[in-house]
Amino acid sequence: MPYNEHDPSDPMMLVGVTLPSGAESSRDMAYVFAEEFARMGFSREQLLNVFREPFYAGAHRAYLELGEETIDRIVGECVALWGLVGRRDRDAVGELRTHVPKPISANP
């Protein structure tokens, strides 16, 4: 088979499909995005900007479908919970470093 030619019998060929979804799946997706970025240390405003930015297609789609108020509530919940989690890291020689971020208010 030539390098750039499509082979329908190739089991490793990536195939995209669309699945039906509704508001509940968009809400679940928004929680996943908010939790992931909050756990990485994003502030409430930084996280809201992720949802507002069309570059982040999945998060932005949830923002458009659910609206600003719902996304703001979801982000607030996730930042209130995960924004207070400390992170631990070990460098190459095994020294333990602990980073505890400043508490983030759930209401700006």
C-alpha atoms as a PDB file:
ATOM      1  CA  MET A   1       0.000   0.000   0.000  1.00  0.00           C
ATOM      2  CA  PRO A   2       1.421   3.439  -0.901  1.00  0.00           C
ATOM      3  CA  TYR A   3       2.280   5.753   1.998  1.00  0.00           C
ATOM      4  CA  ASN A   4      -0.531   8.343   1.681  1.00  0.00           C
ATOM      5  CA  GLU A   5      -3.260   6.089   0.325  1.00  0.00           C
ATOM      6  CA  HIS A   6      -6.297   5.234   2.449  1.00  0.00           C
ATOM      7  CA  ASP A   7      -6.804   1.539   3.252  1.00  0.00           C
ATOM      8  CA  PRO A   8     -10.258   0.776   4.714  1.00  0.00           C
ATOM      9  CA  SER A   9      -9.024  -2.533   6.157  1.00  0.00           C
ATOM     10  CA  ASP A  10      -6.267  -0.850   8.232  1.00  0.00           C
ATOM     11  CA  PRO A  11      -7.217  -1.377  11.932  1.00  0.00           C
ATOM     12  CA  MET A  12      -4.941   1.498  13.006  1.00  0.00           C
ATOM     13  CA  MET A  13      -6.662   4.086  10.811  1.00  0.00           C
ATOM     14  CA  LEU A  14      -8.144   6.903  12.892  1.00  0.00           C
ATOM     15  CA  VAL A  15     -11.851   7.306  12.284  1.00  0.00           C
ATOM     16  CA  GLY A  16     -13.885  10.183  13.721  1.00  0.00           C
ATOM     17  CA  VAL A  17     -17.553   9.785  14.501  1.00  0.00           C
ATOM     18  CA  THR A  18     -20.192  12.049  15.980  1.00  0.00           C
ATOM     19  CA  LEU A  19     -22.317  10.977  18.894  1.00  0.00           C
ATOM     20  CA  PRO A  20     -25.626  12.469  19.942  1.00  0.00           C
ATOM     21  CA  SER A  21     -25.375  14.565  23.085  1.00  0.00           C
ATOM     22  CA  GLY A  22     -27.440  16.931  25.148  1.00  0.00           C
ATOM     23  CA  ALA A  23     -27.153  19.521  27.878  1.00  0.00           C
ATOM     24  CA  GLU A  24     -26.215  16.917  30.496  1.00  0.00           C
ATOM     25  CA  SER A  25     -23.182  15.714  28.538  1.00  0.00           C
ATOM     26  CA  SER A  26     -22.107  19.340  27.993  1.00  0.00           C
ATOM     27  CA  ARG A  27     -22.408  19.941  31.748  1.00  0.00           C
ATOM     28  CA  ASP A  28     -20.282  16.861  32.470  1.00  0.00           C
ATOM     29  CA  MET A  29     -17.701  18.012  29.926  1.00  0.00           C
ATOM     30  CA  ALA A  30     -17.595  21.477  31.526  1.00  0.00           C
ATOM     31  CA  TYR A  31     -16.959  19.939  34.959  1.00  0.00           C
ATOM     32  CA  VAL A  32     -14.114  17.839  33.544  1.00  0.00           C
ATOM     33  CA  PHE A  33     -12.436  20.862  31.936  1.00  0.00           C
ATOM     34  CA  ALA A  34     -12.921  23.028  35.034  1.00  0.00           C
ATOM     35  CA  GLU A  35     -11.596  20.367  37.397  1.00  0.00           C
ATOM     36  CA  GLU A  36      -8.554  19.621  35.245  1.00  0.00           C
ATOM     37  CA  PHE A  37      -7.475  23.245  34.904  1.00  0.00           C
ATOM     38  CA  ALA A  38      -8.263  24.051  38.559  1.00  0.00           C
ATOM     39  CA  ARG A  39      -6.051  21.139  39.616  1.00  0.00           C
ATOM     40  CA  MET A  40      -3.261  22.627  37.484  1.00  0.00           C
ATOM     41  CA  GLY A  41      -3.518  25.847  39.508  1.00  0.00           C
ATOM     42  CA  PHE A  42      -5.599  28.080  37.233  1.00  0.00           C
ATOM     43  CA  SER A  43      -7.375  30.926  39.029  1.00  0.00           C
ATOM     44  CA  ARG A  44     -11.107  31.486  38.643  1.00  0.00           C
ATOM     45  CA  GLU A  45     -10.601  34.260  36.076  1.00  0.00           C
ATOM     46  CA  GLN A  46      -8.003  32.279  34.096  1.00  0.00           C
ATOM     47  CA  LEU A  47     -10.355  29.323  33.984  1.00  0.00           C
ATOM     48  CA  LEU A  48     -13.299  31.430  32.850  1.00  0.00           C
ATOM     49  CA  ASN A  49     -11.090  32.788  30.068  1.00  0.00           C
ATOM     50  CA  VAL A  50     -10.399  29.224  28.906  1.00  0.00           C
ATOM     51  CA  PHE A  51     -14.145  28.710  28.459  1.00  0.00           C
ATOM     52  CA  ARG A  52     -14.577  32.079  26.718  1.00  0.00           C
ATOM     53  CA  GLU A  53     -11.729  31.472  24.254  1.00  0.00           C
ATOM     54  CA  PRO A  54     -12.792  29.758  20.973  1.00  0.00           C
ATOM     55  CA  PHE A  55      -9.288  28.227  20.672  1.00  0.00           C
ATOM     56  CA  TYR A  56     -10.313  25.700  23.368  1.00  0.00           C
ATOM     57  CA  ALA A  57     -13.085  24.222  21.234  1.00  0.00           C
ATOM     58  CA  GLY A  58     -14.538  21.710  23.711  1.00  0.00           C
ATOM     59  CA  ALA A  59     -14.639  24.108  26.636  1.00  0.00           C
ATOM     60  CA  HIS A  60     -15.954  26.918  24.452  1.00  0.00           C
ATOM     61  CA  ARG A  61     -18.719  24.722  23.061  1.00  0.00           C
ATOM     62  CA  ALA A  62     -19.850  23.939  26.607  1.00  0.00           C
ATOM     63  CA  TYR A  63     -19.733  27.686  27.347  1.00  0.00           C
ATOM     64  CA  LEU A  64     -21.958  28.453  24.364  1.00  0.00           C
ATOM     65  CA  GLU A  65     -24.427  25.655  25.141  1.00  0.00           C
ATOM     66  CA  LEU A  66     -24.702  26.200  28.904  1.00  0.00           C
ATOM     67  CA  GLY A  67     -24.211  29.949  29.154  1.00  0.00           C
ATOM     68  CA  GLU A  68     -22.034  32.245  31.245  1.00  0.00           C
ATOM     69  CA  GLU A  69     -23.972  31.824  34.500  1.00  0.00           C
ATOM     70  CA  THR A  70     -23.807  28.014  34.543  1.00  0.00           C
ATOM     71  CA  ILE A  71     -20.122  27.951  33.569  1.00  0.00           C
ATOM     72  CA  ASP A  72     -19.353  30.535  36.262  1.00  0.00           C
ATOM     73  CA  ARG A  73     -21.042  28.333  38.880  1.00  0.00           C
ATOM     74  CA  ILE A  74     -19.188  25.202  37.697  1.00  0.00           C
ATOM     75  CA  VAL A  75     -15.834  27.020  37.690  1.00  0.00           C
ATOM     76  CA  GLY A  76     -16.532  28.425  41.153  1.00  0.00           C
ATOM     77  CA  GLU A  77     -17.252  24.956  42.543  1.00  0.00           C
ATOM     78  CA  CYS A  78     -14.130  23.409  41.016  1.00  0.00           C
ATOM     79  CA  VAL A  79     -11.788  26.244  42.026  1.00  0.00           C
ATOM     80  CA  ALA A  80     -13.215  26.228  45.564  1.00  0.00           C
ATOM     81  CA  LEU A  81     -12.502  22.507  45.842  1.00  0.00           C
ATOM     82  CA  TRP A  82      -9.348  21.971  43.789  1.00  0.00           C
ATOM     83  CA  GLY A  83      -7.785  25.440  44.082  1.00  0.00           C
ATOM     84  CA  LEU A  84      -6.755  24.666  47.658  1.00  0.00           C
ATOM     85  CA  VAL A  85      -4.951  21.400  46.883  1.00  0.00           C
ATOM     86  CA  GLY A  86      -1.202  21.520  47.539  1.00  0.00           C
ATOM     87  CA  ARG A  87       1.242  20.007  45.079  1.00  0.00           C
ATOM     88  CA  ARG A  88       4.313  17.944  45.914  1.00  0.00           C
ATOM     89  CA  ASP A  89       7.303  17.457  43.678  1.00  0.00           C
ATOM     90  CA  ARG A  90      10.607  15.634  43.973  1.00  0.00           C
ATOM     91  CA  ASP A  91      13.647  16.890  42.133  1.00  0.00           C
ATOM     92  CA  ALA A  92      16.372  14.670  40.671  1.00  0.00           C
ATOM     93  CA  VAL A  93      18.191  14.124  43.992  1.00  0.00           C
ATOM     94  CA  GLY A  94      15.001  13.244  45.868  1.00  0.00           C
ATOM     95  CA  GLU A  95      14.509  16.516  47.754  1.00  0.00           C
ATOM     96  CA  LEU A  96      10.842  16.993  48.542  1.00  0.00           C
ATOM     97  CA  ARG A  97       9.378  20.376  47.675  1.00  0.00           C
ATOM     98  CA  THR A  98       5.856  21.349  48.640  1.00  0.00           C
ATOM     99  CA  HIS A  99       3.917  24.095  46.950  1.00  0.00           C
ATOM    100  CA  VAL A 100       0.737  25.193  48.667  1.00  0.00           C
ATOM    101  CA  PRO A 101      -1.063  27.850  46.645  1.00  0.00           C
ATOM    102  CA  LYS A 102      -2.767  30.762  48.328  1.00  0.00           C
ATOM    103  CA  PRO A 103      -6.425  30.075  49.093  1.00  0.00           C
ATOM    104  CA  ILE A 104      -8.673  31.245  46.287  1.00  0.00           C
ATOM    105  CA  SER A 105     -11.969  32.784  47.220  1.00  0.00           C
ATOM    106  CA  ALA A 106     -14.992  31.096  45.652  1.00  0.00           C
ATOM    107  CA  ASN A 107     -16.571  34.519  45.222  1.00  0.00           C
ATOM    108  CA  PRO A 108     -14.381  37.208  43.615  1.00  0.00           C
END
